[in-house]
Structures are given as structure tokens and as C-alpha cells.
Amino acid sequence: MVTQKDIRPPVNLKIASMKDLARMLVSWSQRDRPASMLYFEHRGKHIYGTLISNHGYFEMYGLPLWVYTEGDGPPRGNFLSYKTREKEAIDFTESVDSDPMTLHLPIIRLSEKPIIIDL
């Protein structure tokens, strides 16, 4: 049986901005599966990110990554909308609209930092 002690933390990959994180999640969601964004507060910081696996990392079965950025505050909605036209933009929204030029990433609020994440 696997214990908590046996679980190694994922590799941290800090992204420069929320816009960069959204762009990365949107590009991955189009290839593999729909992406969602996790949110939690930790040591007074607002952390947004996702857990992914980089499949086929050399001889390993995959490299687990915690891809994240720090935000200015808590999410102001349940989704992060991402647009690339006319100009790249992100915004928080409460619901998904039908604009085909806007992609929406669900935001999942966690009650605390997951124990497997080492920040």
C-alpha cells in the first residue's frame, strides 16, 4: 500500500503571469483533455495552477509538474476567460458565454494547499 511518505511532490514550474498560465492551459486542453485551474491561498499568496504529467519523460513513465503562478487576489468568478482577438486578454467571469472566440477555464477553489505540492 502506498503511503503519504511514498508520494514525491511534482516538479514546480512557475509561470511569469496569469496570461501565460492561461495560454499554456488552453494549448494543452486542445491536445489532451479539458484543463481546469486550481486556486488556493498559501502564506498570504494567491496561487493558481494545475497538476499535469509530461508523458514519456526519458525512461520514466512521466514527469509530474505543478504549473503555477501567483495572482493579485482571489478569483473574481468561477471561470477564467481567455481571448486572442482583437488583442490577447484574460478576465474572470461567473459563467460561460457562447462567444466562439473565447475559451473558458474552470477555476476550482481548494480549501488549502494540497499536501503533495511543495512551495
PDB file of N, CA and C in Angstrom:
ATOM      1  N   MET A   1       0.835  -1.176   0.000  1.00  0.00           N
ATOM      2  CA  MET A   1       0.000   0.000   0.000  1.00  0.00           C
ATOM      3  C   MET A   1       0.886   1.246   0.000  1.00  0.00           C
ATOM      4  N   VAL A   2       0.544   2.216  -0.832  1.00  0.00           N
ATOM      5  CA  VAL A   2       1.294   3.463  -0.927  1.00  0.00           C
ATOM      6  C   VAL A   2       0.894   4.377   0.226  1.00  0.00           C
ATOM      7  N   THR A   3       1.892   4.920   0.897  1.00  0.00           N
ATOM      8  CA  THR A   3       1.622   5.851   1.990  1.00  0.00           C
ATOM      9  C   THR A   3       1.956   7.271   1.538  1.00  0.00           C
ATOM     10  N   GLN A   4       1.535   8.226   2.324  1.00  0.00           N
ATOM     11  CA  GLN A   4       1.816   9.621   2.008  1.00  0.00           C
ATOM     12  C   GLN A   4       3.316   9.870   1.913  1.00  0.00           C
ATOM     13  N   LYS A   5       4.087   9.175   2.709  1.00  0.00           N
ATOM     14  CA  LYS A   5       5.540   9.309   2.701  1.00  0.00           C
ATOM     15  C   LYS A   5       6.136   8.836   1.369  1.00  0.00           C
ATOM     16  N   ASP A   6       5.456   7.894   0.694  1.00  0.00           N
ATOM     17  CA  ASP A   6       5.948   7.357  -0.573  1.00  0.00           C
ATOM     18  C   ASP A   6       5.705   8.297  -1.755  1.00  0.00           C
ATOM     19  N   ILE A   7       4.811   9.249  -1.600  1.00  0.00           N
ATOM     20  CA  ILE A   7       4.436  10.128  -2.711  1.00  0.00           C
ATOM     21  C   ILE A   7       5.417  11.291  -2.795  1.00  0.00           C
ATOM     22  N   ARG A   8       6.077  11.407  -3.934  1.00  0.00           N
ATOM     23  CA  ARG A   8       7.016  12.506  -4.144  1.00  0.00           C
ATOM     24  C   ARG A   8       6.270  13.700  -4.730  1.00  0.00           C
ATOM     25  N   PRO A   9       6.680  14.916  -4.379  1.00  0.00           N
ATOM     26  CA  PRO A   9       5.999  16.091  -4.922  1.00  0.00           C
ATOM     27  C   PRO A   9       6.322  16.270  -6.405  1.00  0.00           C
ATOM     28  N   PRO A  10       5.419  16.925  -7.139  1.00  0.00           N
ATOM     29  CA  PRO A  10       5.708  17.216  -8.539  1.00  0.00           C
ATOM     30  C   PRO A  10       6.796  18.284  -8.649  1.00  0.00           C
ATOM     31  N   VAL A  11       7.361  18.407  -9.826  1.00  0.00           N
ATOM     32  CA  VAL A  11       8.350  19.443 -10.107  1.00  0.00           C
ATOM     33  C   VAL A  11       7.605  20.765 -10.277  1.00  0.00           C
ATOM     34  N   ASN A  12       8.061  21.813  -9.594  1.00  0.00           N
ATOM     35  CA  ASN A  12       7.434  23.127  -9.709  1.00  0.00           C
ATOM     36  C   ASN A  12       7.885  23.823 -10.985  1.00  0.00           C
ATOM     37  N   LEU A  13       6.926  24.385 -11.704  1.00  0.00           N
ATOM     38  CA  LEU A  13       7.203  25.178 -12.894  1.00  0.00           C
ATOM     39  C   LEU A  13       6.415  26.470 -12.741  1.00  0.00           C
ATOM     40  N   LYS A  14       7.105  27.524 -12.276  1.00  0.00           N
ATOM     41  CA  LYS A  14       6.428  28.798 -12.038  1.00  0.00           C
ATOM     42  C   LYS A  14       6.370  29.588 -13.338  1.00  0.00           C
ATOM     43  N   ILE A  15       5.159  29.983 -13.696  1.00  0.00           N
ATOM     44  CA  ILE A  15       4.907  30.736 -14.922  1.00  0.00           C
ATOM     45  C   ILE A  15       4.912  32.230 -14.574  1.00  0.00           C
ATOM     46  N   ALA A  16       5.356  33.078 -15.493  1.00  0.00           N
ATOM     47  CA  ALA A  16       5.553  34.503 -15.216  1.00  0.00           C
ATOM     48  C   ALA A  16       4.271  35.268 -14.913  1.00  0.00           C
ATOM     49  N   SER A  17       3.144  34.879 -15.532  1.00  0.00           N
ATOM     50  CA  SER A  17       1.924  35.665 -15.349  1.00  0.00           C
ATOM     51  C   SER A  17       0.685  34.793 -15.517  1.00  0.00           C
ATOM     52  N   MET A  18      -0.449  35.333 -15.106  1.00  0.00           N
ATOM     53  CA  MET A  18      -1.726  34.633 -15.276  1.00  0.00           C
ATOM     54  C   MET A  18      -2.035  34.436 -16.761  1.00  0.00           C
ATOM     55  N   LYS A  19      -1.695  35.415 -17.574  1.00  0.00           N
ATOM     56  CA  LYS A  19      -1.931  35.303 -19.016  1.00  0.00           C
ATOM     57  C   LYS A  19      -1.100  34.157 -19.599  1.00  0.00           C
ATOM     58  N   ASP A  20       0.142  34.021 -19.157  1.00  0.00           N
ATOM     59  CA  ASP A  20       0.993  32.920 -19.624  1.00  0.00           C
ATOM     60  C   ASP A  20       0.443  31.569 -19.181  1.00  0.00           C
ATOM     61  N   LEU A  21      -0.051  31.498 -17.939  1.00  0.00           N
ATOM     62  CA  LEU A  21      -0.644  30.250 -17.447  1.00  0.00           C
ATOM     63  C   LEU A  21      -1.887  29.899 -18.252  1.00  0.00           C
ATOM     64  N   ALA A  22      -2.741  30.879 -18.518  1.00  0.00           N
ATOM     65  CA  ALA A  22      -3.951  30.631 -19.313  1.00  0.00           C
ATOM     66  C   ALA A  22      -3.582  30.137 -20.710  1.00  0.00           C
ATOM     67  N   ARG A  23      -2.599  30.768 -21.332  1.00  0.00           N
ATOM     68  CA  ARG A  23      -2.177  30.366 -22.680  1.00  0.00           C
ATOM     69  C   ARG A  23      -1.674  28.923 -22.678  1.00  0.00           C
ATOM     70  N   MET A  24      -0.910  28.562 -21.664  1.00  0.00           N
ATOM     71  CA  MET A  24      -0.391  27.198 -21.568  1.00  0.00           C
ATOM     72  C   MET A  24      -1.526  26.191 -21.371  1.00  0.00           C
ATOM     73  N   LEU A  25      -2.461  26.495 -20.467  1.00  0.00           N
ATOM     74  CA  LEU A  25      -3.570  25.573 -20.208  1.00  0.00           C
ATOM     75  C   LEU A  25      -4.473  25.419 -21.421  1.00  0.00           C
ATOM     76  N   VAL A  26      -4.719  26.504 -22.129  1.00  0.00           N
ATOM     77  CA  VAL A  26      -5.551  26.430 -23.334  1.00  0.00           C
ATOM     78  C   VAL A  26      -4.875  25.567 -24.391  1.00  0.00           C
ATOM     79  N   SER A  27      -3.571  25.733 -24.579  1.00  0.00           N
ATOM     80  CA  SER A  27      -2.883  24.924 -25.598  1.00  0.00           C
ATOM     81  C   SER A  27      -2.875  23.451 -25.220  1.00  0.00           C
ATOM     82  N   TRP A  28      -2.698  23.121 -23.937  1.00  0.00           N
ATOM     83  CA  TRP A  28      -2.729  21.725 -23.508  1.00  0.00           C
ATOM     84  C   TRP A  28      -4.128  21.142 -23.586  1.00  0.00           C
ATOM     85  N   SER A  29      -5.136  21.929 -23.282  1.00  0.00           N
ATOM     86  CA  SER A  29      -6.500  21.395 -23.273  1.00  0.00           C
ATOM     87  C   SER A  29      -6.946  21.023 -24.678  1.00  0.00           C
ATOM     88  N   GLN A  30      -6.405  21.653 -25.685  1.00  0.00           N
ATOM     89  CA  GLN A  30      -6.791  21.339 -27.052  1.00  0.00           C
ATOM     90  C   GLN A  30      -6.149  20.045 -27.533  1.00  0.00           C
ATOM     91  N   ARG A  31      -5.075  19.615 -26.874  1.00  0.00           N
ATOM     92  CA  ARG A  31      -4.400  18.382 -27.294  1.00  0.00           C
ATOM     93  C   ARG A  31      -4.829  17.159 -26.502  1.00  0.00           C
ATOM     94  N   ASP A  32      -4.917  17.294 -25.205  1.00  0.00           N
ATOM     95  CA  ASP A  32      -5.122  16.119 -24.362  1.00  0.00           C
ATOM     96  C   ASP A  32      -6.531  16.028 -23.791  1.00  0.00           C
ATOM     97  N   ARG A  33      -6.860  16.945 -22.932  1.00  0.00           N
ATOM     98  CA  ARG A  33      -8.142  16.901 -22.225  1.00  0.00           C
ATOM     99  C   ARG A  33      -8.467  18.309 -21.765  1.00  0.00           C
ATOM    100  N   PRO A  34      -9.703  18.553 -21.407  1.00  0.00           N
ATOM    101  CA  PRO A  34     -10.041  19.892 -20.909  1.00  0.00           C
ATOM    102  C   PRO A  34      -9.225  20.223 -19.665  1.00  0.00           C
ATOM    103  N   ALA A  35      -8.753  21.437 -19.602  1.00  0.00           N
ATOM    104  CA  ALA A  35      -7.929  21.868 -18.473  1.00  0.00           C
ATOM    105  C   ALA A  35      -8.766  22.668 -17.487  1.00  0.00           C
ATOM    106  N   SER A  36      -8.424  22.552 -16.228  1.00  0.00           N
ATOM    107  CA  SER A  36      -9.031  23.392 -15.202  1.00  0.00           C
ATOM    108  C   SER A  36      -7.899  24.001 -14.388  1.00  0.00           C
ATOM    109  N   MET A  37      -8.229  25.052 -13.673  1.00  0.00           N
ATOM    110  CA  MET A  37      -7.244  25.768 -12.889  1.00  0.00           C
ATOM    111  C   MET A  37      -7.584  25.618 -11.409  1.00  0.00           C
ATOM    112  N   LEU A  38      -6.603  25.234 -10.608  1.00  0.00           N
ATOM    113  CA  LEU A  38      -6.792  25.138  -9.166  1.00  0.00           C
ATOM    114  C   LEU A  38      -6.388  26.460  -8.524  1.00  0.00           C
ATOM    115  N   TYR A  39      -7.079  26.822  -7.443  1.00  0.00           N
ATOM    116  CA  TYR A  39      -6.750  28.045  -6.713  1.00  0.00           C
ATOM    117  C   TYR A  39      -6.723  27.744  -5.220  1.00  0.00           C
ATOM    118  N   PHE A  40      -5.725  28.283  -4.529  1.00  0.00           N
ATOM    119  CA  PHE A  40      -5.695  28.226  -3.067  1.00  0.00           C
ATOM    120  C   PHE A  40      -4.819  29.364  -2.552  1.00  0.00           C
ATOM    121  N   GLU A  41      -4.995  29.691  -1.294  1.00  0.00           N
ATOM    122  CA  GLU A  41      -4.138  30.675  -0.635  1.00  0.00           C
ATOM    123  C   GLU A  41      -3.086  29.920   0.171  1.00  0.00           C
ATOM    124  N   HIS A  42      -1.865  30.453   0.132  1.00  0.00           N
ATOM    125  CA  HIS A  42      -0.768  29.825   0.877  1.00  0.00           C
ATOM    126  C   HIS A  42       0.207  30.909   1.318  1.00  0.00           C
ATOM    127  N   ARG A  43       0.379  31.023   2.618  1.00  0.00           N
ATOM    128  CA  ARG A  43       1.296  32.015   3.196  1.00  0.00           C
ATOM    129  C   ARG A  43       1.021  33.428   2.677  1.00  0.00           C
ATOM    130  N   GLY A  44      -0.251  33.769   2.596  1.00  0.00           N
ATOM    131  CA  GLY A  44      -0.649  35.107   2.161  1.00  0.00           C
ATOM    132  C   GLY A  44      -0.599  35.340   0.664  1.00  0.00           C
ATOM    133  N   LYS A  45      -0.287  34.306  -0.109  1.00  0.00           N
ATOM    134  CA  LYS A  45      -0.215  34.448  -1.568  1.00  0.00           C
ATOM    135  C   LYS A  45      -1.395  33.733  -2.211  1.00  0.00           C
ATOM    136  N   HIS A  46      -1.804  34.239  -3.368  1.00  0.00           N
ATOM    137  CA  HIS A  46      -2.909  33.658  -4.129  1.00  0.00           C
ATOM    138  C   HIS A  46      -2.302  32.824  -5.259  1.00  0.00           C
ATOM    139  N   ILE A  47      -2.450  31.504  -5.156  1.00  0.00           N
ATOM    140  CA  ILE A  47      -1.789  30.569  -6.061  1.00  0.00           C
ATOM    141  C   ILE A  47      -2.808  29.985  -7.038  1.00  0.00           C
ATOM    142  N   TYR A  48      -2.487  30.067  -8.330  1.00  0.00           N
ATOM    143  CA  TYR A  48      -3.290  29.482  -9.401  1.00  0.00           C
ATOM    144  C   TYR A  48      -2.403  28.491 -10.138  1.00  0.00           C
ATOM    145  N   GLY A  49      -2.929  27.305 -10.449  1.00  0.00           N
ATOM    146  CA  GLY A  49      -2.103  26.349 -11.163  1.00  0.00           C
ATOM    147  C   GLY A  49      -2.843  25.086 -11.521  1.00  0.00           C
ATOM    148  N   THR A  50      -2.093  24.127 -12.028  1.00  0.00           N
ATOM    149  CA  THR A  50      -2.653  22.829 -12.385  1.00  0.00           C
ATOM    150  C   THR A  50      -1.570  21.762 -12.267  1.00  0.00           C
ATOM    151  N   LEU A  51      -2.005  20.550 -12.000  1.00  0.00           N
ATOM    152  CA  LEU A  51      -1.106  19.396 -11.976  1.00  0.00           C
ATOM    153  C   LEU A  51      -1.202  18.694 -13.321  1.00  0.00           C
ATOM    154  N   ILE A  52      -0.068  18.455 -13.948  1.00  0.00           N
ATOM    155  CA  ILE A  52      -0.055  17.742 -15.222  1.00  0.00           C
ATOM    156  C   ILE A  52       1.081  16.723 -15.198  1.00  0.00           C
ATOM    157  N   SER A  53       1.078  15.860 -16.182  1.00  0.00           N
ATOM    158  CA  SER A  53       2.163  14.904 -16.332  1.00  0.00           C
ATOM    159  C   SER A  53       2.754  15.062 -17.722  1.00  0.00           C
ATOM    160  N   ASN A  54       4.058  15.237 -17.784  1.00  0.00           N
ATOM    161  CA  ASN A  54       4.762  15.289 -19.051  1.00  0.00           C
ATOM    162  C   ASN A  54       5.087  13.843 -19.423  1.00  0.00           C
ATOM    163  N   HIS A  55       4.262  13.256 -20.276  1.00  0.00           N
ATOM    164  CA  HIS A  55       4.357  11.830 -20.600  1.00  0.00           C
ATOM    165  C   HIS A  55       5.670  11.482 -21.299  1.00  0.00           C
ATOM    166  N   GLY A  56       6.158  10.290 -21.009  1.00  0.00           N
ATOM    167  CA  GLY A  56       7.331   9.764 -21.692  1.00  0.00           C
ATOM    168  C   GLY A  56       8.602  10.540 -21.415  1.00  0.00           C
ATOM    169  N   TYR A  57       8.762  11.005 -20.193  1.00  0.00           N
ATOM    170  CA  TYR A  57       9.962  11.754 -19.826  1.00  0.00           C
ATOM    171  C   TYR A  57      11.123  10.779 -19.663  1.00  0.00           C
ATOM    172  N   PHE A  58      11.957  10.693 -20.690  1.00  0.00           N
ATOM    173  CA  PHE A  58      13.082   9.770 -20.761  1.00  0.00           C
ATOM    174  C   PHE A  58      12.636   8.353 -20.385  1.00  0.00           C
ATOM    175  N   GLU A  59      13.305   7.702 -19.422  1.00  0.00           N
ATOM    176  CA  GLU A  59      12.933   6.320 -19.098  1.00  0.00           C
ATOM    177  C   GLU A  59      11.793   6.238 -18.090  1.00  0.00           C
ATOM    178  N   MET A  60      11.337   7.380 -17.601  1.00  0.00           N
ATOM    179  CA  MET A  60      10.237   7.374 -16.636  1.00  0.00           C
ATOM    180  C   MET A  60       8.896   7.256 -17.356  1.00  0.00           C
ATOM    181  N   TYR A  61       7.866   6.953 -16.601  1.00  0.00           N
ATOM    182  CA  TYR A  61       6.519   6.901 -17.169  1.00  0.00           C
ATOM    183  C   TYR A  61       5.959   8.293 -17.402  1.00  0.00           C
ATOM    184  N   GLY A  62       6.531   9.278 -16.789  1.00  0.00           N
ATOM    185  CA  GLY A  62       6.096  10.660 -16.935  1.00  0.00           C
ATOM    186  C   GLY A  62       6.678  11.501 -15.818  1.00  0.00           C
ATOM    187  N   LEU A  63       6.751  12.787 -16.058  1.00  0.00           N
ATOM    188  CA  LEU A  63       7.266  13.708 -15.060  1.00  0.00           C
ATOM    189  C   LEU A  63       6.104  14.557 -14.558  1.00  0.00           C
ATOM    190  N   PRO A  64       5.719  14.411 -13.287  1.00  0.00           N
ATOM    191  CA  PRO A  64       4.618  15.218 -12.767  1.00  0.00           C
ATOM    192  C   PRO A  64       5.069  16.668 -12.567  1.00  0.00           C
ATOM    193  N   LEU A  65       4.248  17.595 -13.045  1.00  0.00           N
ATOM    194  CA  LEU A  65       4.555  19.017 -12.940  1.00  0.00           C
ATOM    195  C   LEU A  65       3.444  19.748 -12.199  1.00  0.00           C
ATOM    196  N   TRP A  66       3.801  20.680 -11.354  1.00  0.00           N
ATOM    197  CA  TRP A  66       2.868  21.640 -10.770  1.00  0.00           C
ATOM    198  C   TRP A  66       3.176  22.960 -11.479  1.00  0.00           C
ATOM    199  N   VAL A  67       2.316  23.331 -12.417  1.00  0.00           N
ATOM    200  CA  VAL A  67       2.484  24.533 -13.221  1.00  0.00           C
ATOM    201  C   VAL A  67       1.634  25.616 -12.568  1.00  0.00           C
ATOM    202  N   TYR A  68       2.261  26.731 -12.160  1.00  0.00           N
ATOM    203  CA  TYR A  68       1.507  27.705 -11.370  1.00  0.00           C
ATOM    204  C   TYR A  68       2.017  29.129 -11.551  1.00  0.00           C
ATOM    205  N   THR A  69       1.217  30.065 -11.072  1.00  0.00           N
ATOM    206  CA  THR A  69       1.605  31.462 -10.973  1.00  0.00           C
ATOM    207  C   THR A  69       0.954  32.046  -9.736  1.00  0.00           C
ATOM    208  N   GLU A  70       1.419  33.206  -9.333  1.00  0.00           N
ATOM    209  CA  GLU A  70       0.806  33.916  -8.216  1.00  0.00           C
ATOM    210  C   GLU A  70      -0.073  35.022  -8.776  1.00  0.00           C
ATOM    211  N   GLY A  71      -1.298  35.121  -8.253  1.00  0.00           N
ATOM    212  CA  GLY A  71      -2.215  36.162  -8.689  1.00  0.00           C
ATOM    213  C   GLY A  71      -2.252  37.315  -7.706  1.00  0.00           C
ATOM    214  N   ASP A  72      -2.949  38.377  -8.106  1.00  0.00           N
ATOM    215  CA  ASP A  72      -3.074  39.570  -7.263  1.00  0.00           C
ATOM    216  C   ASP A  72      -4.095  39.399  -6.151  1.00  0.00           C
ATOM    217  N   GLY A  73      -4.996  38.435  -6.305  1.00  0.00           N
ATOM    218  CA  GLY A  73      -6.042  38.233  -5.312  1.00  0.00           C
ATOM    219  C   GLY A  73      -6.819  36.976  -5.638  1.00  0.00           C
ATOM    220  N   PRO A  74      -7.885  36.713  -4.884  1.00  0.00           N
ATOM    221  CA  PRO A  74      -8.707  35.534  -5.159  1.00  0.00           C
ATOM    222  C   PRO A  74      -9.463  35.692  -6.475  1.00  0.00           C
ATOM    223  N   PRO A  75      -9.931  34.598  -7.064  1.00  0.00           N
ATOM    224  CA  PRO A  75     -10.674  34.695  -8.320  1.00  0.00           C
ATOM    225  C   PRO A  75     -11.956  35.500  -8.137  1.00  0.00           C
ATOM    226  N   ARG A  76     -12.261  36.339  -9.125  1.00  0.00           N
ATOM    227  CA  ARG A  76     -13.477  37.146  -9.096  1.00  0.00           C
ATOM    228  C   ARG A  76     -14.584  36.498  -9.917  1.00  0.00           C
ATOM    229  N   GLY A  77     -14.538  35.197 -10.061  1.00  0.00           N
ATOM    230  CA  GLY A  77     -15.532  34.450 -10.811  1.00  0.00           C
ATOM    231  C   GLY A  77     -15.187  32.977 -10.783  1.00  0.00           C
ATOM    232  N   ASN A  78     -16.026  32.179 -11.438  1.00  0.00           N
ATOM    233  CA  ASN A  78     -15.827  30.730 -11.468  1.00  0.00           C
ATOM    234  C   ASN A  78     -15.027  30.249 -12.671  1.00  0.00           C
ATOM    235  N   PHE A  79     -14.785  31.137 -13.622  1.00  0.00           N
ATOM    236  CA  PHE A  79     -14.058  30.789 -14.842  1.00  0.00           C
ATOM    237  C   PHE A  79     -13.064  31.897 -15.168  1.00  0.00           C
ATOM    238  N   LEU A  80     -11.987  31.515 -15.832  1.00  0.00           N
ATOM    239  CA  LEU A  80     -11.071  32.489 -16.403  1.00  0.00           C
ATOM    240  C   LEU A  80     -11.318  32.466 -17.902  1.00  0.00           C
ATOM    241  N   SER A  81     -11.736  33.590 -18.467  1.00  0.00           N
ATOM    242  CA  SER A  81     -11.960  33.650 -19.912  1.00  0.00           C
ATOM    243  C   SER A  81     -10.667  34.103 -20.583  1.00  0.00           C
ATOM    244  N   TYR A  82     -10.408  33.514 -21.744  1.00  0.00           N
ATOM    245  CA  TYR A  82      -9.187  33.789 -22.487  1.00  0.00           C
ATOM    246  C   TYR A  82      -9.560  34.082 -23.927  1.00  0.00           C
ATOM    247  N   LYS A  83      -9.156  35.255 -24.413  1.00  0.00           N
ATOM    248  CA  LYS A  83      -9.415  35.667 -25.798  1.00  0.00           C
ATOM    249  C   LYS A  83      -8.087  35.989 -26.464  1.00  0.00           C
ATOM    250  N   THR A  84      -8.018  35.722 -27.759  1.00  0.00           N
ATOM    251  CA  THR A  84      -6.809  36.068 -28.500  1.00  0.00           C
ATOM    252  C   THR A  84      -7.047  37.174 -29.518  1.00  0.00           C
ATOM    253  N   ARG A  85      -8.295  37.526 -29.770  1.00  0.00           N
ATOM    254  CA  ARG A  85      -8.619  38.579 -30.743  1.00  0.00           C
ATOM    255  C   ARG A  85      -9.474  39.635 -30.102  1.00  0.00           C
ATOM    256  N   GLU A  86      -9.411  40.756 -30.450  1.00  0.00           N
ATOM    257  CA  GLU A  86      -8.500  41.588 -31.192  1.00  0.00           C
ATOM    258  C   GLU A  86      -7.129  41.595 -30.532  1.00  0.00           C
ATOM    259  N   LYS A  87      -7.109  41.563 -29.252  1.00  0.00           N
ATOM    260  CA  LYS A  87      -5.862  41.548 -28.502  1.00  0.00           C
ATOM    261  C   LYS A  87      -5.997  40.475 -27.424  1.00  0.00           C
ATOM    262  N   GLU A  88      -4.908  39.777 -27.133  1.00  0.00           N
ATOM    263  CA  GLU A  88      -4.955  38.745 -26.099  1.00  0.00           C
ATOM    264  C   GLU A  88      -5.397  39.358 -24.770  1.00  0.00           C
ATOM    265  N   ALA A  89      -6.393  38.710 -24.123  1.00  0.00           N
ATOM    266  CA  ALA A  89      -6.919  39.234 -22.862  1.00  0.00           C
ATOM    267  C   ALA A  89      -7.464  38.100 -22.010  1.00  0.00           C
ATOM    268  N   ILE A  90      -7.374  38.283 -20.694  1.00  0.00           N
ATOM    269  CA  ILE A  90      -7.989  37.352 -19.749  1.00  0.00           C
ATOM    270  C   ILE A  90      -8.880  38.148 -18.811  1.00  0.00           C
ATOM    271  N   ASP A  91      -9.882  37.472 -18.267  1.00  0.00           N
ATOM    272  CA  ASP A  91     -10.767  38.101 -17.295  1.00  0.00           C
ATOM    273  C   ASP A  91     -11.482  37.002 -16.529  1.00  0.00           C
ATOM    274  N   PHE A  92     -11.896  37.304 -15.320  1.00  0.00           N
ATOM    275  CA  PHE A  92     -12.707  36.370 -14.548  1.00  0.00           C
ATOM    276  C   PHE A  92     -14.167  36.572 -14.919  1.00  0.00           C
ATOM    277  N   THR A  93     -14.927  35.486 -14.938  1.00  0.00           N
ATOM    278  CA  THR A  93     -16.346  35.566 -15.247  1.00  0.00           C
ATOM    279  C   THR A  93     -17.095  34.535 -14.415  1.00  0.00           C
ATOM    280  N   GLU A  94     -18.373  34.782 -14.189  1.00  0.00           N
ATOM    281  CA  GLU A  94     -19.201  33.873 -13.392  1.00  0.00           C
ATOM    282  C   GLU A  94     -19.752  32.710 -14.206  1.00  0.00           C
ATOM    283  N   SER A  95     -19.857  32.887 -15.525  1.00  0.00           N
ATOM    284  CA  SER A  95     -20.455  31.841 -16.356  1.00  0.00           C
ATOM    285  C   SER A  95     -19.778  31.816 -17.721  1.00  0.00           C
ATOM    286  N   VAL A  96     -20.094  30.798 -18.486  1.00  0.00           N
ATOM    287  CA  VAL A  96     -19.536  30.614 -19.820  1.00  0.00           C
ATOM    288  C   VAL A  96     -20.496  31.218 -20.830  1.00  0.00           C
ATOM    289  N   ASP A  97     -19.984  32.104 -21.689  1.00  0.00           N
ATOM    290  CA  ASP A  97     -20.848  32.654 -22.736  1.00  0.00           C
ATOM    291  C   ASP A  97     -20.643  31.873 -24.024  1.00  0.00           C
ATOM    292  N   SER A  98     -21.389  32.236 -25.037  1.00  0.00           N
ATOM    293  CA  SER A  98     -21.368  31.458 -26.283  1.00  0.00           C
ATOM    294  C   SER A  98     -20.433  32.037 -27.334  1.00  0.00           C
ATOM    295  N   ASP A  99     -19.589  32.968 -26.975  1.00  0.00           N
ATOM    296  CA  ASP A  99     -18.654  33.552 -27.925  1.00  0.00           C
ATOM    297  C   ASP A  99     -17.628  32.497 -28.348  1.00  0.00           C
ATOM    298  N   PRO A 100     -17.620  32.118 -29.636  1.00  0.00           N
ATOM    299  CA  PRO A 100     -16.695  31.066 -30.077  1.00  0.00           C
ATOM    300  C   PRO A 100     -15.223  31.490 -30.036  1.00  0.00           C
ATOM    301  N   MET A 101     -14.969  32.777 -29.887  1.00  0.00           N
ATOM    302  CA  MET A 101     -13.587  33.258 -29.845  1.00  0.00           C
ATOM    303  C   MET A 101     -13.038  33.324 -28.415  1.00  0.00           C
ATOM    304  N   THR A 102     -13.852  32.922 -27.445  1.00  0.00           N
ATOM    305  CA  THR A 102     -13.438  32.948 -26.043  1.00  0.00           C
ATOM    306  C   THR A 102     -13.382  31.532 -25.493  1.00  0.00           C
ATOM    307  N   LEU A 103     -12.284  31.194 -24.863  1.00  0.00           N
ATOM    308  CA  LEU A 103     -12.149  29.901 -24.197  1.00  0.00           C
ATOM    309  C   LEU A 103     -12.265  30.130 -22.698  1.00  0.00           C
ATOM    310  N   HIS A 104     -12.872  29.179 -22.001  1.00  0.00           N
ATOM    311  CA  HIS A 104     -13.108  29.328 -20.567  1.00  0.00           C
ATOM    312  C   HIS A 104     -12.436  28.192 -19.796  1.00  0.00           C
ATOM    313  N   LEU A 105     -11.685  28.571 -18.784  1.00  0.00           N
ATOM    314  CA  LEU A 105     -11.038  27.598 -17.905  1.00  0.00           C
ATOM    315  C   LEU A 105     -11.761  27.614 -16.566  1.00  0.00           C
ATOM    316  N   PRO A 106     -12.343  26.482 -16.147  1.00  0.00           N
ATOM    317  CA  PRO A 106     -12.987  26.446 -14.836  1.00  0.00           C
ATOM    318  C   PRO A 106     -11.953  26.634 -13.726  1.00  0.00           C
ATOM    319  N   ILE A 107     -12.342  27.363 -12.693  1.00  0.00           N
ATOM    320  CA  ILE A 107     -11.476  27.571 -11.533  1.00  0.00           C
ATOM    321  C   ILE A 107     -12.035  26.754 -10.378  1.00  0.00           C
ATOM    322  N   ILE A 108     -11.223  25.887  -9.834  1.00  0.00           N
ATOM    323  CA  ILE A 108     -11.608  25.040  -8.712  1.00  0.00           C
ATOM    324  C   ILE A 108     -10.913  25.582  -7.465  1.00  0.00           C
ATOM    325  N   ARG A 109     -11.696  26.042  -6.510  1.00  0.00           N
ATOM    326  CA  ARG A 109     -11.139  26.594  -5.270  1.00  0.00           C
ATOM    327  C   ARG A 109     -10.877  25.458  -4.276  1.00  0.00           C
ATOM    328  N   LEU A 110      -9.662  25.377  -3.792  1.00  0.00           N
ATOM    329  CA  LEU A 110      -9.299  24.376  -2.787  1.00  0.00           C
ATOM    330  C   LEU A 110      -9.314  25.026  -1.407  1.00  0.00           C
ATOM    331  N   SER A 111      -9.617  24.253  -0.396  1.00  0.00           N
ATOM    332  CA  SER A 111      -9.655  24.802   0.960  1.00  0.00           C
ATOM    333  C   SER A 111      -8.254  25.044   1.521  1.00  0.00           C
ATOM    334  N   GLU A 112      -7.268  24.358   0.961  1.00  0.00           N
ATOM    335  CA  GLU A 112      -5.881  24.536   1.406  1.00  0.00           C
ATOM    336  C   GLU A 112      -4.939  23.996   0.347  1.00  0.00           C
ATOM    337  N   LYS A 113      -3.656  24.269   0.523  1.00  0.00           N
ATOM    338  CA  LYS A 113      -2.638  23.766  -0.397  1.00  0.00           C
ATOM    339  C   LYS A 113      -2.618  22.244  -0.328  1.00  0.00           C
ATOM    340  N   PRO A 114      -2.636  21.566  -1.480  1.00  0.00           N
ATOM    341  CA  PRO A 114      -2.525  20.103  -1.459  1.00  0.00           C
ATOM    342  C   PRO A 114      -1.198  19.667  -0.830  1.00  0.00           C
ATOM    343  N   ILE A 115      -1.245  18.590  -0.078  1.00  0.00           N
ATOM    344  CA  ILE A 115      -0.048  18.150   0.650  1.00  0.00           C
ATOM    345  C   ILE A 115       1.085  17.705  -0.274  1.00  0.00           C
ATOM    346  N   ILE A 116       0.774  17.318  -1.496  1.00  0.00           N
ATOM    347  CA  ILE A 116       1.838  16.858  -2.398  1.00  0.00           C
ATOM    348  C   ILE A 116       2.570  18.009  -3.080  1.00  0.00           C
ATOM    349  N   ILE A 117       2.076  19.231  -2.946  1.00  0.00           N
ATOM    350  CA  ILE A 117       2.728  20.384  -3.573  1.00  0.00           C
ATOM    351  C   ILE A 117       3.698  21.001  -2.578  1.00  0.00           C
ATOM    352  N   ASP A 118       4.929  21.180  -3.024  1.00  0.00           N
ATOM    353  CA  ASP A 118       5.989  21.700  -2.170  1.00  0.00           C
ATOM    354  C   ASP A 118       6.340  23.116  -2.611  1.00  0.00           C
ATOM    355  N   LEU A 119       5.732  24.096  -1.956  1.00  0.00           N
ATOM    356  CA  LEU A 119       6.035  25.502  -2.276  1.00  0.00           C
ATOM    357  C   LEU A 119       6.830  26.128  -1.152  1.00  0.00           C
TER     358      LEU A 119
END
